[in-house]
Structure formats: C-alpha cells, structure tokens
C-alpha cells in the first residue's frame, strides 16, 4: 500500500474527523483496497467490499464533509479495513 493511502486511512479514522479530504482520494483508496465502486444515479454510488455494501454520495464539491467521512469510516470498519489491520500486516487486509 502506498504511503498516501496509509496516511488517508489514518486520517479517516482520526478523531475529530478531518474536513479537508478530497473525494477523489477517498474513491482511489476504496478501489485500492479492492472495493467495487458502481455509480447508481446522480451522485450516488454503491460500494461493495468484503461482502459489505454501502450507498455513498459523491460530494458536489471536491472536499468530503464530516458526515461523509464518518460514513466512509463506518463502512471501512465493517469491511475490516482499519489502520490497525494495515499496521499489523503491513499490507492490504484480505
């Protein structure tokens, strides 16, 4: 995993949630960890990873708001993608 993706995972799970994350980076991370990202309609997208599914909304601007960060964080946690999982193995979780 690249240093950029590792830093992004740490930022997503940091409290308080960051307010300056860019959606293109979050989407790149999702794809990097193996998520299937499928546009549904408008700004909605279905994200599937490790048998977990979530409907996410692409922001109108480029920056991800606090609620979206929390939603992405919860989804990644349910799918087993956490900072601890990456620090333990040093690579992407299964």
Protein backbone atom coordinates (compact mmCIF):
# COMPACT_ATOMS: atom_id res chain seq x y z
CA UNK A 1 0.00 0.00 0.00
CA UNK A 2 1.30 3.42 -0.86
CA UNK A 3 2.24 5.92 1.79
CA UNK A 4 -0.53 8.21 0.58
CA UNK A 5 -3.20 5.53 1.09
CA UNK A 6 -1.82 4.65 4.51
CA UNK A 7 -1.98 8.31 5.59
CA UNK A 8 -5.51 8.58 4.21
CA UNK A 9 -6.71 5.58 6.23
CA UNK A 10 -5.19 7.09 9.36
CA UNK A 11 -6.88 10.43 8.58
CA UNK A 12 -10.28 8.78 8.03
CA UNK A 13 -10.11 7.08 11.43
CA UNK A 14 -8.70 10.09 13.29
CA UNK A 15 -10.84 11.97 15.83
CA UNK A 16 -12.05 14.59 15.21
CA UNK A 17 -12.78 13.70 11.57
CA UNK A 18 -10.75 15.78 9.10
CA UNK A 19 -12.55 18.31 6.95
CA UNK A 20 -10.04 18.63 4.12
CA UNK A 21 -10.13 15.20 2.49
CA UNK A 22 -10.76 15.09 -1.24
CA UNK A 23 -13.32 12.70 -2.69
CA UNK A 24 -11.01 11.57 -5.50
CA UNK A 25 -8.53 10.38 -2.83
CA UNK A 26 -11.23 8.52 -0.89
CA UNK A 27 -12.52 6.86 -4.06
CA UNK A 28 -8.96 5.90 -5.03
CA UNK A 29 -8.45 4.33 -1.59
CA UNK A 30 -11.69 2.37 -1.88
CA UNK A 31 -10.62 0.97 -5.24
CA UNK A 32 -7.10 0.25 -3.94
CA UNK A 33 -8.38 -1.92 -1.08
CA UNK A 34 -10.48 -3.90 -3.56
CA UNK A 35 -13.88 -2.24 -3.34
CA UNK A 36 -16.25 -2.39 -6.28
CA UNK A 37 -17.47 1.18 -6.88
CA UNK A 38 -20.58 1.32 -9.06
CA UNK A 39 -22.40 4.55 -9.98
CA UNK A 40 -26.14 4.28 -9.36
CA UNK A 41 -27.76 7.58 -10.25
CA UNK A 42 -26.76 11.18 -9.86
CA UNK A 43 -24.16 11.48 -7.10
CA UNK A 44 -24.96 8.12 -5.50
CA UNK A 45 -22.66 5.14 -5.77
CA UNK A 46 -22.83 1.58 -4.49
CA UNK A 47 -19.60 0.42 -2.84
CA UNK A 48 -19.07 -3.27 -2.11
CA UNK A 49 -16.11 -4.63 -0.18
CA UNK A 50 -15.67 -7.95 1.66
CA UNK A 51 -19.41 -8.73 1.31
CA UNK A 52 -20.32 -5.36 2.87
CA UNK A 53 -22.30 -2.86 0.84
CA UNK A 54 -22.91 0.86 1.32
CA UNK A 55 -24.52 3.61 -0.71
CA UNK A 56 -22.27 6.68 -0.64
CA UNK A 57 -22.93 10.15 -2.02
CA UNK A 58 -20.26 11.88 -4.05
CA UNK A 59 -19.97 15.47 -2.75
CA UNK A 60 -20.91 18.38 -5.01
CA UNK A 61 -17.50 19.96 -4.37
CA UNK A 62 -14.27 18.04 -4.08
CA UNK A 63 -13.96 18.07 -0.28
CA UNK A 64 -15.68 15.40 1.78
CA UNK A 65 -17.89 16.72 4.61
CA UNK A 66 -17.79 15.39 8.18
CA UNK A 67 -20.87 13.16 7.83
CA UNK A 68 -19.45 11.52 4.71
CA UNK A 69 -16.13 10.89 6.47
CA UNK A 70 -17.99 9.19 9.32
CA UNK A 71 -19.99 7.10 6.86
CA UNK A 72 -16.90 6.01 4.92
CA UNK A 73 -15.12 5.25 8.22
CA UNK A 74 -18.01 3.08 9.43
CA UNK A 75 -18.16 1.22 6.12
CA UNK A 76 -14.42 0.56 6.05
CA UNK A 77 -14.54 -0.61 9.68
CA UNK A 78 -17.34 -3.09 8.92
CA UNK A 79 -15.38 -4.34 5.91
CA UNK A 80 -12.25 -4.89 8.01
CA UNK A 81 -10.20 -2.03 6.59
CA UNK A 82 -8.78 -0.21 9.62
CA UNK A 83 -5.44 1.42 10.45
CA UNK A 84 -4.70 -1.43 12.89
CA UNK A 85 -5.24 -4.03 10.14
CA UNK A 86 -2.68 -2.30 7.93
CA UNK A 87 -0.14 -1.65 10.69
CA UNK A 88 -0.36 -5.28 11.81
CA UNK A 89 0.21 -6.85 8.40
CA UNK A 90 1.91 -4.01 6.56
CA UNK A 91 -0.33 -4.59 3.54
CA UNK A 92 -3.95 -4.73 2.45
CA UNK A 93 -6.27 -6.90 4.57
CA UNK A 94 -7.95 -9.87 2.86
